[in-house]
Amino acid sequence: MKLMRVMVSTENIKKEFARRLAERIEQMQDITAESLSEMLISSGILSERRVVQYCAICEFYDSIGQKTKTQTIKELSAKYSVSERVLIELTGRERRFSV
């Protein structure tokens, strides 16, 4: 019973978030991917750290097969200033980002 309440509550939160996000987007003059990203980061909805991690993970999956996983992680760690440990965790068996 308690688990069901959490699921319903989560769905309500998602709907409320979507509604509020839509209101903010409607207030924007020219909506571009860059302006939307900036709005999400500046409002605190997304953290810059998560955005950087997401970019590193996207590049990781784009480059699969070109180099070894270890070599790719070392390069992306240096490029994005994300620790190798974090990248290894994010590229583990389960994807934490939907890429």
N, C-alpha and C. Protein backbone atom coordinates (compact mmCIF):
# COMPACT_ATOMS: atom_id res chain seq x y z
N MET A 1 0.82 -1.19 0.00
CA MET A 1 0.00 0.00 0.00
C MET A 1 0.87 1.26 0.00
N LYS A 2 1.90 1.26 0.83
CA LYS A 2 2.77 2.42 0.92
C LYS A 2 3.51 2.66 -0.40
N LEU A 3 3.96 1.57 -1.03
CA LEU A 3 4.66 1.68 -2.31
C LEU A 3 3.75 2.31 -3.36
N MET A 4 2.49 1.96 -3.38
CA MET A 4 1.54 2.52 -4.33
C MET A 4 1.41 4.02 -4.16
N ARG A 5 1.39 4.51 -2.92
CA ARG A 5 1.30 5.94 -2.66
C ARG A 5 2.50 6.67 -3.21
N VAL A 6 3.69 6.07 -3.06
CA VAL A 6 4.91 6.69 -3.58
C VAL A 6 4.84 6.78 -5.09
N MET A 7 4.37 5.74 -5.76
CA MET A 7 4.27 5.74 -7.22
C MET A 7 3.29 6.81 -7.70
N VAL A 8 2.15 6.92 -7.05
CA VAL A 8 1.16 7.93 -7.42
C VAL A 8 1.75 9.31 -7.19
N SER A 9 2.39 9.49 -6.07
CA SER A 9 3.00 10.76 -5.75
C SER A 9 4.06 11.13 -6.79
N THR A 10 4.87 10.18 -7.20
CA THR A 10 5.89 10.43 -8.21
C THR A 10 5.26 10.86 -9.53
N GLU A 11 4.19 10.21 -9.92
CA GLU A 11 3.49 10.59 -11.16
C GLU A 11 2.94 12.00 -11.06
N ASN A 12 2.37 12.35 -9.92
CA ASN A 12 1.86 13.70 -9.72
C ASN A 12 2.98 14.73 -9.80
N ILE A 13 4.11 14.41 -9.23
CA ILE A 13 5.26 15.31 -9.27
C ILE A 13 5.73 15.50 -10.71
N LYS A 14 5.77 14.42 -11.47
CA LYS A 14 6.19 14.51 -12.88
C LYS A 14 5.25 15.42 -13.67
N LYS A 15 3.94 15.25 -13.43
CA LYS A 15 2.97 16.08 -14.14
C LYS A 15 3.11 17.55 -13.74
N GLU A 16 3.30 17.81 -12.45
CA GLU A 16 3.48 19.18 -11.97
C GLU A 16 4.74 19.79 -12.55
N PHE A 17 5.82 19.01 -12.58
CA PHE A 17 7.07 19.49 -13.16
C PHE A 17 6.88 19.85 -14.64
N ALA A 18 6.22 18.97 -15.38
CA ALA A 18 5.98 19.21 -16.80
C ALA A 18 5.15 20.47 -17.01
N ARG A 19 4.13 20.66 -16.18
CA ARG A 19 3.28 21.84 -16.29
C ARG A 19 4.08 23.12 -16.04
N ARG A 20 4.87 23.11 -14.98
CA ARG A 20 5.67 24.31 -14.65
C ARG A 20 6.75 24.57 -15.69
N LEU A 21 7.34 23.51 -16.20
CA LEU A 21 8.36 23.66 -17.24
C LEU A 21 7.74 24.24 -18.51
N ALA A 22 6.55 23.78 -18.86
CA ALA A 22 5.85 24.30 -20.03
C ALA A 22 5.56 25.79 -19.87
N GLU A 23 5.17 26.21 -18.66
CA GLU A 23 4.92 27.63 -18.40
C GLU A 23 6.18 28.45 -18.61
N ARG A 24 7.32 27.95 -18.10
CA ARG A 24 8.59 28.68 -18.26
C ARG A 24 8.98 28.77 -19.73
N ILE A 25 8.79 27.68 -20.46
CA ILE A 25 9.16 27.67 -21.88
C ILE A 25 8.29 28.65 -22.67
N GLU A 26 7.01 28.74 -22.34
CA GLU A 26 6.11 29.67 -23.02
C GLU A 26 6.54 31.13 -22.83
N GLN A 27 7.20 31.42 -21.71
CA GLN A 27 7.65 32.78 -21.42
C GLN A 27 8.93 33.15 -22.20
N MET A 28 9.61 32.15 -22.74
CA MET A 28 10.86 32.41 -23.45
C MET A 28 10.55 32.95 -24.83
N GLN A 29 11.38 33.90 -25.29
CA GLN A 29 11.19 34.51 -26.60
C GLN A 29 11.54 33.52 -27.72
N ASP A 30 12.81 33.29 -27.91
CA ASP A 30 13.29 32.37 -28.94
C ASP A 30 13.81 31.11 -28.27
N ILE A 31 13.11 30.02 -28.48
CA ILE A 31 13.50 28.78 -27.83
C ILE A 31 14.44 28.01 -28.75
N THR A 32 15.65 27.83 -28.28
CA THR A 32 16.63 27.00 -28.96
C THR A 32 17.10 25.95 -27.95
N ALA A 33 17.79 24.94 -28.43
CA ALA A 33 18.34 23.94 -27.51
C ALA A 33 19.28 24.61 -26.52
N GLU A 34 20.06 25.57 -26.99
CA GLU A 34 21.00 26.27 -26.12
C GLU A 34 20.28 27.10 -25.06
N SER A 35 19.24 27.84 -25.47
CA SER A 35 18.52 28.68 -24.49
C SER A 35 17.76 27.82 -23.49
N LEU A 36 17.21 26.70 -23.95
CA LEU A 36 16.51 25.80 -23.04
C LEU A 36 17.49 25.19 -22.05
N SER A 37 18.65 24.77 -22.53
CA SER A 37 19.68 24.22 -21.64
C SER A 37 20.10 25.25 -20.61
N GLU A 38 20.33 26.47 -21.06
CA GLU A 38 20.73 27.54 -20.15
C GLU A 38 19.67 27.80 -19.09
N MET A 39 18.41 27.80 -19.49
CA MET A 39 17.32 28.03 -18.55
C MET A 39 17.26 26.90 -17.52
N LEU A 40 17.42 25.66 -17.95
CA LEU A 40 17.36 24.53 -17.03
C LEU A 40 18.52 24.55 -16.03
N ILE A 41 19.70 24.95 -16.50
CA ILE A 41 20.87 25.02 -15.62
C ILE A 41 20.76 26.22 -14.68
N SER A 42 20.43 27.39 -15.22
CA SER A 42 20.38 28.60 -14.38
C SER A 42 19.27 28.54 -13.34
N SER A 43 18.20 27.80 -13.63
CA SER A 43 17.11 27.69 -12.66
C SER A 43 17.39 26.60 -11.62
N GLY A 44 18.45 25.84 -11.82
CA GLY A 44 18.80 24.80 -10.87
C GLY A 44 18.12 23.47 -11.12
N ILE A 45 17.36 23.37 -12.19
CA ILE A 45 16.69 22.10 -12.50
C ILE A 45 17.74 21.05 -12.87
N LEU A 46 18.72 21.47 -13.65
CA LEU A 46 19.85 20.60 -14.01
C LEU A 46 21.11 21.18 -13.40
N SER A 47 21.96 20.31 -12.90
CA SER A 47 23.24 20.80 -12.40
C SER A 47 24.26 20.73 -13.54
N GLU A 48 25.19 21.67 -13.54
CA GLU A 48 26.24 21.66 -14.57
C GLU A 48 27.02 20.36 -14.52
N ARG A 49 27.22 19.83 -13.33
CA ARG A 49 27.96 18.57 -13.18
C ARG A 49 27.26 17.45 -13.94
N ARG A 50 25.93 17.35 -13.82
CA ARG A 50 25.20 16.30 -14.53
C ARG A 50 25.23 16.50 -16.04
N VAL A 51 25.19 17.75 -16.47
CA VAL A 51 25.25 18.04 -17.91
C VAL A 51 26.60 17.60 -18.47
N VAL A 52 27.66 17.91 -17.74
CA VAL A 52 29.01 17.51 -18.18
C VAL A 52 29.11 15.99 -18.22
N GLN A 53 28.60 15.32 -17.19
CA GLN A 53 28.62 13.86 -17.17
C GLN A 53 27.83 13.29 -18.34
N TYR A 54 26.68 13.88 -18.62
CA TYR A 54 25.85 13.42 -19.74
C TYR A 54 26.60 13.55 -21.07
N CYS A 55 27.27 14.69 -21.27
CA CYS A 55 28.04 14.89 -22.50
C CYS A 55 29.16 13.86 -22.63
N ALA A 56 29.84 13.59 -21.52
CA ALA A 56 30.92 12.60 -21.53
C ALA A 56 30.39 11.22 -21.87
N ILE A 57 29.25 10.86 -21.29
CA ILE A 57 28.66 9.54 -21.55
C ILE A 57 28.17 9.43 -22.99
N CYS A 58 27.57 10.48 -23.51
CA CYS A 58 27.15 10.46 -24.92
C CYS A 58 28.35 10.22 -25.83
N GLU A 59 29.44 10.94 -25.56
CA GLU A 59 30.65 10.77 -26.38
C GLU A 59 31.22 9.37 -26.21
N PHE A 60 31.14 8.84 -25.00
CA PHE A 60 31.62 7.47 -24.76
C PHE A 60 30.87 6.49 -25.66
N TYR A 61 29.54 6.54 -25.66
CA TYR A 61 28.76 5.60 -26.47
C TYR A 61 28.91 5.87 -27.96
N ASP A 62 29.17 7.11 -28.34
CA ASP A 62 29.42 7.42 -29.76
C ASP A 62 30.73 6.82 -30.24
N SER A 63 31.69 6.64 -29.33
CA SER A 63 33.02 6.18 -29.74
C SER A 63 33.28 4.71 -29.45
N ILE A 64 32.24 3.97 -29.09
CA ILE A 64 32.42 2.53 -28.82
C ILE A 64 33.01 1.86 -30.05
N GLY A 65 34.02 1.03 -29.81
CA GLY A 65 34.65 0.28 -30.89
C GLY A 65 35.84 0.98 -31.51
N GLN A 66 36.01 2.26 -31.27
CA GLN A 66 37.15 2.98 -31.84
C GLN A 66 38.41 2.79 -31.00
N LYS A 67 38.24 2.72 -29.68
CA LYS A 67 39.34 2.54 -28.75
C LYS A 67 38.87 1.62 -27.64
N THR A 68 39.76 1.23 -26.76
CA THR A 68 39.34 0.40 -25.63
C THR A 68 38.53 1.26 -24.66
N LYS A 69 37.72 0.59 -23.87
CA LYS A 69 36.90 1.29 -22.88
C LYS A 69 37.79 2.08 -21.92
N THR A 70 38.87 1.46 -21.48
CA THR A 70 39.78 2.12 -20.54
C THR A 70 40.40 3.36 -21.15
N GLN A 71 40.86 3.25 -22.38
CA GLN A 71 41.48 4.40 -23.06
C GLN A 71 40.47 5.52 -23.26
N THR A 72 39.27 5.16 -23.68
CA THR A 72 38.21 6.15 -23.90
C THR A 72 37.86 6.86 -22.60
N ILE A 73 37.72 6.12 -21.53
CA ILE A 73 37.38 6.72 -20.23
C ILE A 73 38.47 7.67 -19.76
N LYS A 74 39.74 7.28 -19.94
CA LYS A 74 40.86 8.16 -19.54
C LYS A 74 40.81 9.47 -20.32
N GLU A 75 40.57 9.40 -21.63
CA GLU A 75 40.52 10.60 -22.46
C GLU A 75 39.33 11.49 -22.09
N LEU A 76 38.17 10.88 -21.90
CA LEU A 76 36.97 11.66 -21.57
C LEU A 76 37.07 12.25 -20.16
N SER A 77 37.72 11.55 -19.27
CA SER A 77 37.93 12.06 -17.92
C SER A 77 38.73 13.36 -17.97
N ALA A 78 39.78 13.36 -18.77
CA ALA A 78 40.61 14.56 -18.91
C ALA A 78 39.86 15.66 -19.66
N LYS A 79 39.14 15.31 -20.70
CA LYS A 79 38.44 16.30 -21.52
C LYS A 79 37.33 17.00 -20.74
N TYR A 80 36.56 16.25 -19.97
CA TYR A 80 35.38 16.81 -19.29
C TYR A 80 35.60 17.07 -17.79
N SER A 81 36.79 16.78 -17.29
CA SER A 81 37.08 16.93 -15.85
C SER A 81 36.09 16.15 -14.99
N VAL A 82 35.85 14.92 -15.38
CA VAL A 82 35.01 14.00 -14.63
C VAL A 82 35.92 12.84 -14.22
N SER A 83 35.84 12.43 -12.98
CA SER A 83 36.75 11.37 -12.53
C SER A 83 36.51 10.07 -13.30
N GLU A 84 37.58 9.32 -13.46
CA GLU A 84 37.47 8.03 -14.15
C GLU A 84 36.50 7.12 -13.41
N ARG A 85 36.52 7.16 -12.09
CA ARG A 85 35.63 6.32 -11.29
C ARG A 85 34.16 6.61 -11.61
N VAL A 86 33.82 7.89 -11.72
CA VAL A 86 32.44 8.28 -12.04
C VAL A 86 32.07 7.78 -13.43
N LEU A 87 32.96 7.95 -14.38
CA LEU A 87 32.66 7.48 -15.74
C LEU A 87 32.51 5.96 -15.79
N ILE A 88 33.33 5.26 -15.04
CA ILE A 88 33.21 3.80 -14.99
C ILE A 88 31.85 3.41 -14.41
N GLU A 89 31.46 4.09 -13.34
CA GLU A 89 30.15 3.80 -12.73
C GLU A 89 29.01 4.11 -13.71
N LEU A 90 29.12 5.22 -14.43
CA LEU A 90 28.05 5.62 -15.35
C LEU A 90 27.99 4.76 -16.61
N THR A 91 29.10 4.11 -16.94
CA THR A 91 29.12 3.26 -18.13
C THR A 91 29.05 1.79 -17.77
N GLY A 92 28.66 1.50 -16.53
CA GLY A 92 28.55 0.12 -16.07
C GLY A 92 27.46 -0.63 -16.80
N ARG A 93 27.06 -1.74 -16.23
CA ARG A 93 26.07 -2.60 -16.89
C ARG A 93 24.74 -1.89 -17.18
N GLU A 94 24.30 -1.08 -16.25
CA GLU A 94 23.04 -0.36 -16.45
C GLU A 94 23.33 1.09 -16.80
N ARG A 95 22.75 1.56 -17.85
CA ARG A 95 22.94 2.95 -18.23
C ARG A 95 22.18 3.85 -17.28
N ARG A 96 22.85 4.86 -16.76
CA ARG A 96 22.18 5.79 -15.85
C ARG A 96 21.55 6.94 -16.62
N PHE A 97 22.03 7.16 -17.83
CA PHE A 97 21.44 8.18 -18.69
C PHE A 97 20.85 7.44 -19.87
N SER A 98 19.74 7.88 -20.36
CA SER A 98 19.17 7.31 -21.56
C SER A 98 19.78 8.04 -22.74
N VAL A 99 20.67 7.37 -23.44
CA VAL A 99 21.40 8.01 -24.54
C VAL A 99 20.91 7.44 -25.85
